[in-house]
Protein backbone atom coordinates (compact mmCIF):
# COMPACT_ATOMS: atom_id res chain seq x y z
CA MET A 1 270.75 211.03 17.11
CA THR A 2 271.62 207.39 16.40
CA LYS A 3 268.83 205.27 14.97
CA PRO A 4 268.09 202.06 16.95
CA CYS A 5 269.52 198.89 15.46
CA ILE A 6 266.46 196.86 16.51
CA GLU A 7 262.96 198.38 16.56
CA VAL A 8 259.88 196.35 17.53
CA HIS A 9 256.32 197.72 17.53
CA ASN A 10 253.33 195.69 18.77
CA LEU A 11 254.88 192.42 17.62
CA SER A 12 252.60 189.40 18.08
CA LYS A 13 252.66 185.71 17.26
CA THR A 14 249.71 183.33 17.63
CA TYR A 15 249.99 179.60 16.98
CA ARG A 16 247.04 177.45 15.87
CA VAL A 17 247.61 174.18 17.72
CA PRO A 18 245.60 170.95 17.17
CA VAL A 19 244.15 169.46 20.38
CA ARG A 20 242.23 166.29 21.18
CA GLU A 21 241.20 164.19 24.15
CA ALA A 22 242.89 160.89 25.00
CA GLY A 23 241.53 157.59 23.73
CA LEU A 24 240.86 155.71 20.49
CA LYS A 25 237.52 157.40 19.74
CA ALA A 26 239.04 160.85 20.05
CA SER A 27 241.90 159.78 17.79
CA LEU A 28 239.55 158.56 15.07
CA ARG A 29 237.34 161.62 15.38
CA SER A 30 240.33 163.90 14.96
CA LEU A 31 240.98 162.41 11.50
CA THR A 32 237.88 164.13 10.11
CA HIS A 33 236.99 166.79 12.69
CA ARG A 34 240.16 168.30 14.03
CA THR A 35 239.90 170.81 16.87
CA TYR A 36 242.30 173.70 17.20
CA GLN A 37 243.30 176.03 19.99
CA GLU A 38 244.96 179.40 19.52
CA VAL A 39 248.02 180.04 21.66
CA GLU A 40 249.25 183.63 21.94
CA ALA A 41 252.99 183.15 22.27
CA VAL A 42 253.85 186.86 21.91
CA GLN A 43 251.37 189.66 22.55
CA GLN A 44 252.01 193.15 21.16
CA ILE A 45 255.48 193.76 22.58
CA SER A 46 257.44 196.89 21.72
CA PHE A 47 261.07 197.80 22.41
CA SER A 48 264.21 199.12 20.72
CA VAL A 49 267.92 198.32 21.03
CA GLU A 50 270.70 200.78 20.23
CA PRO A 51 273.73 199.85 18.06
CA GLY A 52 276.43 198.08 20.08
CA GLU A 53 274.14 197.46 23.06
CA ILE A 54 273.97 194.12 24.90
CA VAL A 55 270.44 193.55 26.21
CA GLY A 56 269.16 190.63 28.28
CA PHE A 57 265.84 189.23 27.03
CA ILE A 58 264.52 187.18 29.93
CA GLY A 59 261.41 185.43 31.15
CA PRO A 60 260.22 182.03 32.43
CA ASN A 61 259.82 178.97 30.21
CA GLY A 62 257.11 179.55 27.63
CA ALA A 63 257.24 183.34 27.98
CA GLY A 64 257.87 183.86 24.25
CA LYS A 65 261.59 184.63 24.24
CA THR A 66 262.70 182.18 21.55
CA THR A 67 259.61 182.90 19.45
CA THR A 68 260.51 186.60 19.48
CA LEU A 69 264.13 185.92 18.55
CA LYS A 70 263.02 183.67 15.69
CA MET A 71 260.78 186.43 14.33
CA LEU A 72 263.63 188.95 14.56
CA ALA A 73 265.94 186.47 12.82
CA GLY A 74 263.38 185.98 10.06
CA LEU A 75 262.65 182.34 10.87
CA LEU A 76 258.99 183.04 11.75
CA HIS A 77 256.38 185.40 10.35
CA PRO A 78 254.54 187.44 12.98
CA THR A 79 250.77 187.42 13.34
CA GLY A 80 250.81 191.17 13.79
CA GLY A 81 253.03 194.16 14.41
CA GLU A 82 256.23 195.45 12.84
CA ALA A 83 259.96 195.06 13.35
CA THR A 84 263.15 196.29 11.72
CA VAL A 85 266.64 194.97 12.39
CA ALA A 86 269.63 196.83 10.91
CA GLY A 87 267.16 198.64 8.65
CA PHE A 88 265.56 195.45 7.26
CA THR A 89 262.23 193.69 7.80
CA PRO A 90 263.45 190.32 9.15
CA TRP A 91 260.87 187.95 7.67
CA GLU A 92 261.55 189.20 4.15
CA ARG A 93 264.86 187.31 4.56
CA ARG A 94 266.84 189.35 2.06
CA HIS A 95 270.39 188.15 1.44
CA ALA A 96 271.79 191.49 2.58
CA TYR A 97 269.91 191.09 5.87
CA LEU A 98 271.03 187.51 6.50
CA ARG A 99 274.65 188.60 6.09
CA ARG A 100 274.19 191.15 8.88
CA ILE A 101 272.76 188.84 11.53
CA SER A 102 273.47 185.56 13.26
CA MET A 103 271.53 183.40 15.70
CA VAL A 104 273.31 180.98 18.03
CA MET A 105 271.18 178.58 20.06
CA GLY A 106 272.65 176.61 22.94
CA ASN A 107 270.42 173.62 22.24
CA LYS A 108 270.95 173.48 18.45
CA SER A 109 274.03 172.58 16.44
CA GLN A 110 275.07 173.65 12.95
CA MET A 111 278.34 171.67 13.04
CA LEU A 112 278.72 168.39 11.14
CA TRP A 113 279.83 165.77 13.66
CA ASP A 114 281.98 163.62 11.39
CA ILE A 115 284.29 166.34 10.09
CA PRO A 116 286.63 168.86 11.75
CA PRO A 117 285.16 172.31 12.52
CA LEU A 118 287.68 173.94 10.17
CA ASP A 119 285.84 172.36 7.21
CA SER A 120 282.48 173.67 8.44
CA PHE A 121 283.93 177.15 8.94
CA GLN A 122 285.26 177.14 5.36
CA VAL A 123 281.84 176.14 3.99
CA LEU A 124 280.13 178.92 5.98
CA GLY A 125 282.73 181.42 4.77
CA ASP A 126 281.89 180.45 1.17
CA ILE A 127 278.13 180.61 1.81
CA TYR A 128 278.43 184.14 3.17
CA ALA A 129 280.91 185.10 0.43
CA VAL A 130 283.50 186.26 2.95
CA PRO A 131 286.66 187.43 1.12
CA PRO A 132 289.57 185.02 1.80
CA ALA A 133 291.76 187.58 3.59
CA GLU A 134 288.86 188.70 5.79
CA TYR A 135 287.92 185.07 6.49
CA ARG A 136 291.44 184.20 7.68
CA GLN A 137 291.67 187.34 9.81
CA THR A 138 288.27 186.77 11.43
CA LEU A 139 288.92 183.08 12.03
CA ASP A 140 292.31 183.74 13.66
CA GLU A 141 290.81 186.43 15.86
CA LEU A 142 287.90 184.23 17.04
CA ILE A 143 290.15 181.21 17.61
CA ASP A 144 292.55 183.26 19.71
CA LEU A 145 289.71 184.81 21.74
CA LEU A 146 288.26 181.38 22.48
CA GLY A 147 291.57 179.53 22.85
CA MET A 148 290.50 176.65 20.61
CA ARG A 149 293.26 176.25 18.01
CA GLU A 150 293.90 172.63 19.04
CA LEU A 151 290.28 171.72 18.16
CA LEU A 152 290.33 172.74 14.51
CA THR A 153 291.39 169.42 12.98
CA LYS A 154 289.51 166.99 15.25
CA PRO A 155 286.06 165.52 14.45
CA VAL A 156 283.30 167.44 16.26
CA ARG A 157 281.85 164.22 17.69
CA ASN A 158 284.88 163.94 19.98
CA PHE A 159 284.30 167.36 21.59
CA SER A 160 282.84 168.14 24.98
CA LEU A 161 279.71 170.31 25.19
CA GLY A 162 281.81 173.36 25.98
CA GLU A 163 284.14 172.75 23.04
CA ARG A 164 281.17 172.34 20.69
CA MET A 165 279.71 175.61 21.96
CA LYS A 166 282.97 177.37 21.11
CA CYS A 167 282.66 176.03 17.56
CA GLU A 168 279.04 177.19 17.34
CA LEU A 169 280.10 180.73 18.27
CA VAL A 170 282.83 180.78 15.65
CA ALA A 171 280.41 179.42 13.04
CA GLY A 172 277.89 182.13 13.92
CA LEU A 173 280.44 184.95 13.81
CA ILE A 174 282.62 184.00 10.84
CA HIS A 175 280.85 186.58 8.63
CA ARG A 176 281.13 189.35 11.29
CA PRO A 177 277.38 189.90 11.85
CA GLN A 178 276.18 193.34 12.86
CA VAL A 179 273.45 191.80 15.06
CA LEU A 180 273.80 188.68 17.19
CA PHE A 181 270.91 186.77 18.73
CA LEU A 182 272.10 184.45 21.51
CA ASP A 183 269.57 181.93 22.83
CA GLU A 184 270.84 180.13 25.95
CA PRO A 185 274.52 180.17 24.86
CA THR A 186 275.78 178.66 28.15
CA LEU A 187 273.10 175.97 28.46
CA GLY A 188 274.47 172.85 30.16
CA LEU A 189 278.04 174.16 30.51
CA ASP A 190 280.07 173.97 33.70
CA VAL A 191 280.81 177.11 35.71
CA SER A 192 284.32 177.54 34.31
CA MET A 193 283.20 177.30 30.68
CA GLN A 194 280.26 179.64 31.35
CA ASN A 195 282.67 182.28 32.63
CA ARG A 196 284.95 181.89 29.60
CA LEU A 197 282.10 182.26 27.14
CA ARG A 198 280.82 185.36 28.98
CA GLN A 199 284.28 186.89 28.73
CA PHE A 200 284.36 186.07 25.02
CA ILE A 201 280.94 187.65 24.36
CA ARG A 202 281.93 190.79 26.27
CA GLU A 203 285.24 191.09 24.43
CA TYR A 204 283.66 190.39 21.03
CA ASN A 205 281.10 193.13 21.66
CA ARG A 206 283.88 195.54 22.64
CA ARG A 207 285.93 194.79 19.53
CA SER A 208 283.15 194.61 16.95
CA SER A 209 280.45 196.89 18.44
CA ALA A 210 277.91 194.21 17.52
CA THR A 211 274.38 194.57 18.86
CA ILE A 212 273.53 191.55 21.03
CA LEU A 213 270.17 190.31 22.27
CA LEU A 214 270.73 187.54 24.84
CA THR A 215 268.29 185.10 26.40
CA SER A 216 269.36 182.90 29.30
CA HIS A 217 267.93 181.16 32.35
CA TYR A 218 271.29 181.65 34.07
CA MET A 219 271.03 185.03 35.74
CA ALA A 220 274.82 185.06 36.05
CA ASP A 221 274.91 185.47 32.24
CA VAL A 222 272.57 188.43 32.41
CA THR A 223 274.18 190.19 35.38
CA ALA A 224 277.67 189.76 33.88
CA LEU A 225 276.80 191.03 30.40
CA CYS A 226 273.58 193.04 30.35
CA PRO A 227 273.13 196.40 32.11
CA ARG A 228 269.62 196.49 30.65
CA VAL A 229 266.98 193.77 30.58
CA ILE A 230 263.70 193.26 28.74
CA LEU A 231 261.44 190.95 30.73
CA ILE A 232 258.44 189.20 29.22
CA HIS A 233 255.89 186.91 30.86
CA GLU A 234 253.18 184.92 29.08
CA GLY A 235 254.03 186.77 25.88
CA LYS A 236 253.62 190.25 27.37
CA LEU A 237 256.35 192.79 28.07
CA LEU A 238 256.57 193.49 31.81
CA TYR A 239 259.78 195.50 32.18
CA ASP A 240 262.34 197.25 29.99
CA SER A 241 265.09 199.16 31.79
CA ASP A 242 268.13 198.90 34.04
CA LEU A 243 268.65 195.54 35.76
CA GLN A 244 269.85 197.00 39.05
CA GLU A 245 266.95 199.46 39.10
CA LEU A 246 264.62 196.48 38.88
CA ALA A 247 266.27 194.97 41.96
CA ARG A 248 266.02 198.25 43.86
CA LYS A 249 262.36 198.61 42.96
CA LEU A 250 261.26 195.13 43.97
CA ALA A 251 263.67 194.53 46.84
CA PRO A 252 264.17 197.87 48.65
CA PHE A 253 266.35 196.35 51.36
CA LYS A 254 269.92 195.34 52.08
CA LEU A 255 271.29 192.14 53.58
CA VAL A 256 273.91 192.60 56.31
CA HIS A 257 276.02 189.53 57.16
CA ALA A 258 278.05 189.72 60.38
CA SER A 259 280.31 187.10 61.97
CA LEU A 260 281.09 187.60 65.68
CA LEU A 261 283.74 186.28 68.03
CA VAL A 262 282.51 183.19 69.82
CA ASN A 263 280.92 184.26 73.12
CA SER A 264 278.66 182.39 75.53
CA THR A 265 276.60 185.52 76.17
CA PRO A 266 273.85 186.12 73.55
CA PRO A 267 274.70 189.37 71.71
CA ALA A 268 272.46 192.42 72.05
CA PHE A 269 272.13 193.85 68.57
CA PRO A 270 271.58 197.57 67.89
CA GLY A 271 267.96 198.64 68.21
CA GLY A 272 266.99 195.17 69.39
CA LEU A 273 267.03 193.96 65.76
CA GLN A 274 267.11 190.18 65.41
CA PRO A 275 268.79 188.31 62.55
CA VAL A 276 266.59 186.63 59.95
CA GLU A 277 269.12 183.78 59.76
CA VAL A 278 272.04 182.43 61.80
CA SER A 279 274.36 179.93 60.13
CA GLU A 280 276.09 177.04 61.87
CA GLU A 281 279.34 179.00 61.61
CA GLY A 282 277.78 181.85 63.59
CA ARG A 283 277.17 184.26 60.71
CA HIS A 284 274.18 186.50 61.46
CA THR A 285 272.11 187.84 58.55
CA PHE A 286 269.97 190.97 58.96
CA ARG A 287 267.47 192.45 56.56
CA LEU A 288 267.13 196.25 56.67
CA PRO A 289 265.70 199.08 54.56
CA ARG A 290 268.38 200.47 52.28
CA ASP A 291 268.53 203.87 53.99
CA GLU A 292 269.06 202.25 57.42
CA ALA A 293 271.82 199.79 56.51
CA ALA A 294 274.76 202.21 56.90
CA ALA A 295 273.74 203.39 60.38
CA PHE A 296 273.08 199.84 61.55
CA THR A 297 276.48 198.55 60.39
CA ALA A 298 278.24 201.47 62.12
CA GLN A 299 276.44 200.68 65.41
CA LEU A 300 277.16 197.00 64.97
CA LEU A 301 280.88 197.56 64.53
CA GLY A 302 280.99 199.91 67.52
CA SER A 303 279.14 197.70 69.98
CA LEU A 304 280.01 194.06 69.17
CA PRO A 305 283.19 192.03 68.41
CA VAL A 306 282.63 191.74 64.65
CA VAL A 307 285.27 189.72 62.81
CA ASP A 308 283.68 189.84 59.36
CA LEU A 309 281.01 192.07 57.83
CA THR A 310 279.43 192.26 54.38
CA VAL A 311 276.56 194.33 53.05
CA GLU A 312 274.88 193.29 49.82
CA ASP A 313 271.78 193.55 47.72
CA PRO A 314 269.42 190.55 47.68
CA PRO A 315 270.30 187.99 44.98
CA ILE A 316 268.95 189.09 41.60
CA GLU A 317 267.67 185.52 41.13
CA ALA A 318 265.28 186.07 44.04
CA VAL A 319 264.00 189.28 42.49
CA ILE A 320 263.42 187.68 39.09
CA ASP A 321 261.76 184.64 40.67
CA GLN A 322 259.37 186.99 42.49
CA ILE A 323 258.32 188.46 39.14
CA TYR A 324 257.91 185.03 37.57
CA GLN A 325 255.70 183.91 40.46
CA GLU A 326 253.54 187.04 40.56
CA GLY A 327 253.51 187.79 36.83
CA LYS A 328 253.98 191.52 37.40
CA VAL A 329 256.58 194.15 38.26
C-alpha cells in the first residue's frame, strides 16, 4: 500500500491580532495597553493526499486555504497538530525538504523585473544545485510545454500578466519538485490563458507524477483539474471527497433545456410540468429529480416539436456557493 505524500492531522493555526477602537485616545492608549484578539484561521483539519494526485483545496475568502498551504510549505508554524509532506515535517525547513516542494502564488512574484527570466531561472537552478544537464533538459521541457521561448531574453517588466505567470511556473518547477502547492495560479488571467495554464498543469502532472494541491476561486480550474476536493469554511474542514459526488448530494436534480419550433399555441408539456425559466429565444428550462429526467425528455421529444435539447447537472458554482452561504454540507 502506497504511503500518502501529504498527511495532515488536527492541524491548527491561531493568530494573535492587535485591535483598538478608532480615535486619538484609543491610539495613545494602545501604546501602553495593547489589546489582542485571537483569530482561529485553521481549526484541527485532517486529510491526506496520495502521490501523483491533484486535489482542489477550496473555500471562501478567509477560510484558511492560504494559511494551510503556508504551513505545509514550511512558511508558518502551526499552533497545534501534525503534518508530513514527502516524509518531512514542513516547518523544520530542511534543505532536502525544500528541494522536494514548490509553492506558486498567483498574487506574488519571484521574478526580477529588470532582467530577463532566463537569468532568474539560472540563479534558481544554482540555488537548488540542479546539475547543468538536468537544468537544461527541464528548462527546455517547461518552455516547450508553455510555448514561451520568445520571452526568455526580454525584461520581465514588459510582460503581460499571463506571460509573467508562465515565468512563475517555470521558476517554481525548475528543480522538479515532488510536491507543488498552487495558490490561485490563474488569478486575473483571461479565459484563453487560464485554459492554457490548466492544460500545462495537467500535462506536467502526467509527465512528472507530481502531487499537486490547488486553491482557486475559479471553479473552472477545479472542475478541469481536480476529481477530488477538500472544502474548508471558517478554518474547519467541511468536505473531502469526489467533486461530482458533492454536486449530486447537494443538488439532486437535472436541468433540461428544450428549444421548440415557434408556434402561436402555448405548448402542453408532459405531466403539466412548467418551465422554471423561458429565455427570449424560446428556450425552456425544466428542473427535475435525477431519476425522472430521462422519462421526461423521452415524453418531451415524442409530444412536441423540439429542435434542440440538452440535459445537464446544475452548475458546480451554484453548489459551492450554496455551501459557502450555509456553512455546511
